[in-house]
């Protein structure tokens, strides 16, 4: 018998199986910390999820409205929404006169 990837992970003891789709690395201007974003698709689902190496947290700057991701099954849409969230917060801090600082990036403990 030939097994598909999905069939190989159907045993009841398997939980939260995902397929790795792609990885992207970048820096935010003037912050020398590399950010990694990885896209996955949960098995038995068309939805794409993103995992980030860092979250952007800036004291005194409120979170900006998040971009509505209309097509959660499209890699580009999901990636754009995740990057846009960081860029908007970064730009909001800069518009308030704050200088970029590596402390703005908080390592995501769940990122492996």
N, C-alpha and C. Protein backbone atom coordinates (compact mmCIF):
# COMPACT_ATOMS: atom_id res chain seq x y z
N UNK A 1 0.84 -1.19 0.00
CA UNK A 1 0.00 0.00 0.00
C UNK A 1 0.88 1.25 0.00
N UNK A 2 0.48 2.23 -0.75
CA UNK A 2 1.19 3.49 -0.80
C UNK A 2 0.48 4.50 0.11
N UNK A 3 1.26 5.19 0.93
CA UNK A 3 0.71 6.15 1.88
C UNK A 3 0.92 7.58 1.39
N UNK A 4 -0.07 8.42 1.56
CA UNK A 4 0.09 9.85 1.30
C UNK A 4 0.65 10.50 2.57
N UNK A 5 1.13 11.71 2.47
CA UNK A 5 1.63 12.42 3.65
C UNK A 5 0.53 12.57 4.69
N UNK A 6 -0.66 12.91 4.23
CA UNK A 6 -1.77 13.12 5.15
C UNK A 6 -2.16 11.82 5.85
N UNK A 7 -2.18 10.73 5.09
CA UNK A 7 -2.54 9.43 5.69
C UNK A 7 -1.50 8.97 6.70
N UNK A 8 -0.24 9.32 6.47
CA UNK A 8 0.83 8.89 7.36
C UNK A 8 0.70 9.52 8.75
N UNK A 9 -0.05 10.60 8.85
CA UNK A 9 -0.18 11.31 10.13
C UNK A 9 -1.61 11.26 10.68
N UNK A 10 -2.30 10.18 10.45
CA UNK A 10 -3.69 10.08 10.91
C UNK A 10 -3.86 9.28 12.19
N UNK A 11 -2.79 8.72 12.72
CA UNK A 11 -2.92 7.96 13.97
C UNK A 11 -3.43 8.89 15.06
N UNK A 12 -4.34 8.42 15.91
CA UNK A 12 -4.93 9.28 16.95
C UNK A 12 -3.92 9.90 17.92
N UNK A 13 -2.73 9.34 18.04
CA UNK A 13 -1.75 9.93 18.95
C UNK A 13 -1.05 11.15 18.35
N UNK A 14 -1.17 11.37 17.06
CA UNK A 14 -0.55 12.52 16.39
C UNK A 14 -1.42 13.75 16.61
N UNK A 15 -0.81 14.83 17.06
CA UNK A 15 -1.52 16.07 17.31
C UNK A 15 -0.84 17.24 16.60
N UNK A 16 -1.61 18.15 16.10
CA UNK A 16 -1.13 19.43 15.55
C UNK A 16 -0.07 19.28 14.47
N UNK A 17 -0.24 18.34 13.59
CA UNK A 17 0.72 18.16 12.49
C UNK A 17 0.58 19.30 11.49
N UNK A 18 1.71 19.83 11.06
CA UNK A 18 1.74 20.91 10.07
C UNK A 18 2.75 20.58 8.99
N UNK A 19 2.55 21.17 7.83
CA UNK A 19 3.49 21.05 6.72
C UNK A 19 4.22 22.39 6.59
N UNK A 20 5.55 22.34 6.57
CA UNK A 20 6.35 23.54 6.38
C UNK A 20 6.22 23.99 4.93
N UNK A 21 5.91 25.26 4.73
CA UNK A 21 5.76 25.80 3.38
C UNK A 21 6.94 26.65 2.94
N UNK A 22 7.31 27.62 3.78
CA UNK A 22 8.38 28.53 3.38
C UNK A 22 8.90 29.31 4.59
N UNK A 23 10.09 29.90 4.39
CA UNK A 23 10.72 30.68 5.45
C UNK A 23 11.27 31.96 4.86
N UNK A 24 11.14 33.05 5.62
CA UNK A 24 11.61 34.36 5.19
C UNK A 24 12.38 35.00 6.33
N UNK A 25 13.49 35.66 6.00
CA UNK A 25 14.32 36.34 6.98
C UNK A 25 14.50 37.79 6.52
N UNK A 26 14.46 38.71 7.49
CA UNK A 26 14.63 40.12 7.18
C UNK A 26 14.99 40.89 8.44
N UNK A 27 15.34 42.16 8.25
CA UNK A 27 15.63 43.09 9.35
C UNK A 27 14.69 44.27 9.21
N UNK A 28 14.31 44.87 10.32
CA UNK A 28 13.64 46.16 10.28
C UNK A 28 14.73 47.23 10.29
N UNK A 29 14.52 48.29 9.54
CA UNK A 29 15.53 49.33 9.38
C UNK A 29 16.09 49.78 10.74
N UNK A 30 17.42 49.83 10.81
CA UNK A 30 18.17 50.32 11.96
C UNK A 30 18.06 49.45 13.21
N UNK A 31 17.55 48.22 13.06
CA UNK A 31 17.55 47.27 14.17
C UNK A 31 18.32 46.03 13.70
N UNK A 32 19.49 45.78 14.29
CA UNK A 32 20.35 44.69 13.80
C UNK A 32 19.97 43.30 14.34
N UNK A 33 18.71 43.00 14.36
CA UNK A 33 18.22 41.70 14.82
C UNK A 33 17.47 41.04 13.67
N UNK A 34 17.91 39.86 13.28
CA UNK A 34 17.24 39.15 12.19
C UNK A 34 15.91 38.58 12.66
N UNK A 35 14.89 38.78 11.85
CA UNK A 35 13.55 38.27 12.12
C UNK A 35 13.29 37.15 11.12
N UNK A 36 12.75 36.06 11.60
CA UNK A 36 12.40 34.94 10.73
C UNK A 36 10.90 34.71 10.82
N UNK A 37 10.29 34.54 9.68
CA UNK A 37 8.88 34.17 9.61
C UNK A 37 8.79 32.86 8.83
N UNK A 38 8.06 31.91 9.41
CA UNK A 38 7.86 30.62 8.76
C UNK A 38 6.37 30.40 8.54
N UNK A 39 6.06 29.91 7.36
CA UNK A 39 4.67 29.61 7.01
C UNK A 39 4.45 28.11 7.02
N UNK A 40 3.34 27.71 7.62
CA UNK A 40 2.96 26.31 7.72
C UNK A 40 1.50 26.15 7.31
N UNK A 41 1.16 24.94 6.91
CA UNK A 41 -0.24 24.59 6.67
C UNK A 41 -0.55 23.39 7.56
N UNK A 42 -1.52 23.56 8.47
CA UNK A 42 -1.91 22.41 9.29
C UNK A 42 -2.43 21.28 8.39
N UNK A 43 -2.08 20.05 8.77
CA UNK A 43 -2.57 18.90 8.01
C UNK A 43 -4.09 18.93 8.02
N UNK A 44 -4.67 18.54 6.94
CA UNK A 44 -6.12 18.45 6.81
C UNK A 44 -6.80 19.82 6.88
N UNK A 45 -6.06 20.86 6.47
CA UNK A 45 -6.61 22.21 6.44
C UNK A 45 -5.95 22.98 5.30
N UNK A 46 -6.65 23.94 4.75
CA UNK A 46 -6.08 24.77 3.70
C UNK A 46 -5.52 26.07 4.25
N UNK A 47 -5.78 26.35 5.52
CA UNK A 47 -5.36 27.60 6.15
C UNK A 47 -3.85 27.64 6.33
N UNK A 48 -3.23 28.77 6.05
CA UNK A 48 -1.80 28.98 6.24
C UNK A 48 -1.62 29.74 7.55
N UNK A 49 -0.65 29.29 8.36
CA UNK A 49 -0.35 29.97 9.62
C UNK A 49 1.10 30.44 9.59
N UNK A 50 1.36 31.53 10.31
CA UNK A 50 2.71 32.08 10.36
C UNK A 50 3.24 31.97 11.79
N UNK A 51 4.52 31.65 11.88
CA UNK A 51 5.22 31.64 13.16
C UNK A 51 6.39 32.60 13.03
N UNK A 52 6.52 33.48 14.03
CA UNK A 52 7.56 34.52 13.99
C UNK A 52 8.62 34.27 15.05
N UNK A 53 9.85 34.60 14.72
CA UNK A 53 10.94 34.48 15.68
C UNK A 53 10.85 35.55 16.77
N UNK A 54 10.28 36.69 16.42
CA UNK A 54 10.19 37.82 17.36
C UNK A 54 8.82 38.50 17.24
N UNK A 55 8.39 39.06 18.35
CA UNK A 55 7.24 39.95 18.35
C UNK A 55 7.77 41.36 18.54
N UNK A 56 7.07 42.33 17.98
CA UNK A 56 7.46 43.73 18.10
C UNK A 56 6.62 44.37 19.20
N UNK A 57 7.29 44.84 20.25
CA UNK A 57 6.63 45.51 21.37
C UNK A 57 7.38 46.80 21.66
N UNK A 58 6.64 47.90 21.63
CA UNK A 58 7.27 49.21 21.83
C UNK A 58 6.51 49.94 22.91
N UNK A 59 7.19 50.20 24.04
CA UNK A 59 6.55 50.92 25.14
C UNK A 59 6.05 52.28 24.67
N UNK A 60 4.82 52.59 25.04
CA UNK A 60 4.24 53.88 24.70
C UNK A 60 3.58 53.94 23.33
N UNK A 61 3.66 52.87 22.57
CA UNK A 61 3.04 52.85 21.25
C UNK A 61 2.00 51.73 21.25
N UNK A 62 0.78 52.11 20.95
CA UNK A 62 -0.29 51.11 20.95
C UNK A 62 -0.26 50.30 19.66
N UNK A 63 -0.73 49.07 19.76
CA UNK A 63 -0.81 48.23 18.57
C UNK A 63 -1.64 48.93 17.51
N UNK A 64 -1.21 48.79 16.31
CA UNK A 64 -1.91 49.39 15.17
C UNK A 64 -3.00 48.42 14.69
N UNK A 65 -4.03 48.94 14.03
CA UNK A 65 -5.07 48.04 13.51
C UNK A 65 -4.45 46.99 12.60
N UNK A 66 -4.86 45.76 12.80
CA UNK A 66 -4.31 44.66 12.01
C UNK A 66 -4.99 44.60 10.65
N UNK A 67 -4.19 44.28 9.66
CA UNK A 67 -4.69 44.09 8.31
C UNK A 67 -5.57 42.85 8.28
N UNK A 68 -6.74 42.96 7.71
CA UNK A 68 -7.63 41.82 7.61
C UNK A 68 -7.14 40.89 6.50
N UNK A 69 -6.83 39.67 6.87
CA UNK A 69 -6.34 38.69 5.90
C UNK A 69 -7.55 37.94 5.33
N UNK A 70 -7.91 38.29 4.11
CA UNK A 70 -9.12 37.74 3.51
C UNK A 70 -8.94 36.31 3.02
N UNK A 71 -7.74 35.95 2.59
CA UNK A 71 -7.50 34.62 2.05
C UNK A 71 -6.45 33.90 2.88
N UNK A 72 -6.88 33.29 3.98
CA UNK A 72 -5.95 32.62 4.88
C UNK A 72 -5.37 31.35 4.28
N UNK A 73 -5.76 31.03 3.05
CA UNK A 73 -5.21 29.86 2.37
C UNK A 73 -4.13 30.27 1.37
N UNK A 74 -3.81 31.55 1.30
CA UNK A 74 -2.81 32.08 0.37
C UNK A 74 -1.57 32.51 1.14
N UNK A 75 -0.42 31.93 0.80
CA UNK A 75 0.83 32.26 1.51
C UNK A 75 1.12 33.76 1.48
N UNK A 76 1.00 34.37 0.31
CA UNK A 76 1.32 35.79 0.19
C UNK A 76 0.44 36.67 1.06
N UNK A 77 -0.84 36.35 1.13
CA UNK A 77 -1.77 37.13 1.95
C UNK A 77 -1.40 37.04 3.44
N UNK A 78 -1.13 35.84 3.89
CA UNK A 78 -0.81 35.62 5.31
C UNK A 78 0.53 36.28 5.65
N UNK A 79 1.52 36.12 4.79
CA UNK A 79 2.82 36.74 5.02
C UNK A 79 2.69 38.26 5.03
N UNK A 80 1.97 38.81 4.07
CA UNK A 80 1.79 40.26 4.01
C UNK A 80 1.13 40.79 5.28
N UNK A 81 0.11 40.12 5.77
CA UNK A 81 -0.58 40.57 6.99
C UNK A 81 0.37 40.56 8.18
N UNK A 82 1.19 39.52 8.31
CA UNK A 82 2.13 39.42 9.43
C UNK A 82 3.21 40.48 9.35
N UNK A 83 3.75 40.71 8.16
CA UNK A 83 4.79 41.73 7.99
C UNK A 83 4.20 43.12 8.18
N UNK A 84 3.02 43.35 7.63
CA UNK A 84 2.37 44.65 7.74
C UNK A 84 2.12 45.03 9.20
N UNK A 85 1.77 44.06 10.01
CA UNK A 85 1.54 44.32 11.43
C UNK A 85 2.80 44.90 12.08
N UNK A 86 3.95 44.31 11.78
CA UNK A 86 5.22 44.79 12.34
C UNK A 86 5.60 46.16 11.77
N UNK A 87 5.46 46.30 10.46
CA UNK A 87 5.84 47.54 9.79
C UNK A 87 4.99 48.72 10.29
N UNK A 88 3.71 48.51 10.45
CA UNK A 88 2.83 49.59 10.92
C UNK A 88 3.19 50.04 12.33
N UNK A 89 3.49 49.08 13.21
CA UNK A 89 3.87 49.43 14.58
C UNK A 89 5.23 50.15 14.57
N UNK A 90 6.17 49.65 13.80
CA UNK A 90 7.48 50.29 13.66
C UNK A 90 7.32 51.73 13.17
N UNK A 91 6.53 51.92 12.12
CA UNK A 91 6.33 53.26 11.56
C UNK A 91 5.61 54.18 12.53
N UNK A 92 4.68 53.65 13.31
CA UNK A 92 3.98 54.46 14.32
C UNK A 92 4.98 54.97 15.37
N UNK A 93 5.89 54.11 15.79
CA UNK A 93 6.90 54.52 16.77
C UNK A 93 7.82 55.58 16.18
N UNK A 94 8.24 55.38 14.95
CA UNK A 94 9.12 56.35 14.29
C UNK A 94 8.41 57.70 14.13
N UNK A 95 7.11 57.67 13.81
CA UNK A 95 6.38 58.93 13.63
C UNK A 95 6.22 59.68 14.95
N UNK A 96 6.36 58.97 16.08
CA UNK A 96 6.31 59.61 17.40
C UNK A 96 7.70 60.09 17.83
N UNK A 97 8.67 59.94 16.94
CA UNK A 97 10.02 60.41 17.23
C UNK A 97 10.90 59.42 17.96
N UNK A 98 10.46 58.19 18.11
CA UNK A 98 11.26 57.18 18.80
C UNK A 98 12.34 56.63 17.87
N UNK A 99 13.52 56.41 18.42
CA UNK A 99 14.62 55.84 17.64
C UNK A 99 14.53 54.32 17.70
N UNK A 100 14.73 53.64 16.59
CA UNK A 100 14.68 52.18 16.58
C UNK A 100 15.65 51.58 17.61
N UNK A 101 15.20 50.53 18.27
CA UNK A 101 16.01 49.91 19.30
C UNK A 101 15.83 48.40 19.27
N UNK A 102 16.90 47.63 19.42
CA UNK A 102 16.77 46.17 19.43
C UNK A 102 15.83 45.66 20.51
N UNK A 103 15.65 46.42 21.58
CA UNK A 103 14.75 45.99 22.66
C UNK A 103 13.29 45.94 22.21
N UNK A 104 12.99 46.54 21.08
CA UNK A 104 11.62 46.47 20.55
C UNK A 104 11.25 45.05 20.14
N UNK A 105 12.26 44.26 19.78
CA UNK A 105 12.01 42.89 19.32
C UNK A 105 12.14 41.92 20.50
N UNK A 106 11.06 41.24 20.79
CA UNK A 106 11.02 40.26 21.87
C UNK A 106 11.02 38.87 21.27
N UNK A 107 12.03 38.03 21.61
CA UNK A 107 12.06 36.68 21.08
C UNK A 107 10.78 35.93 21.43
N UNK A 108 10.26 35.21 20.47
CA UNK A 108 9.05 34.43 20.67
C UNK A 108 9.46 33.07 21.23
N UNK A 109 9.09 32.79 22.46
CA UNK A 109 9.50 31.54 23.13
C UNK A 109 8.97 30.31 22.44
N UNK A 110 7.88 30.43 21.69
CA UNK A 110 7.29 29.29 21.01
C UNK A 110 7.93 29.01 19.66
N UNK A 111 8.83 29.88 19.22
CA UNK A 111 9.46 29.71 17.91
C UNK A 111 10.62 28.74 18.04
N UNK A 112 10.61 27.74 17.20
CA UNK A 112 11.68 26.72 17.24
C UNK A 112 12.28 26.56 15.89
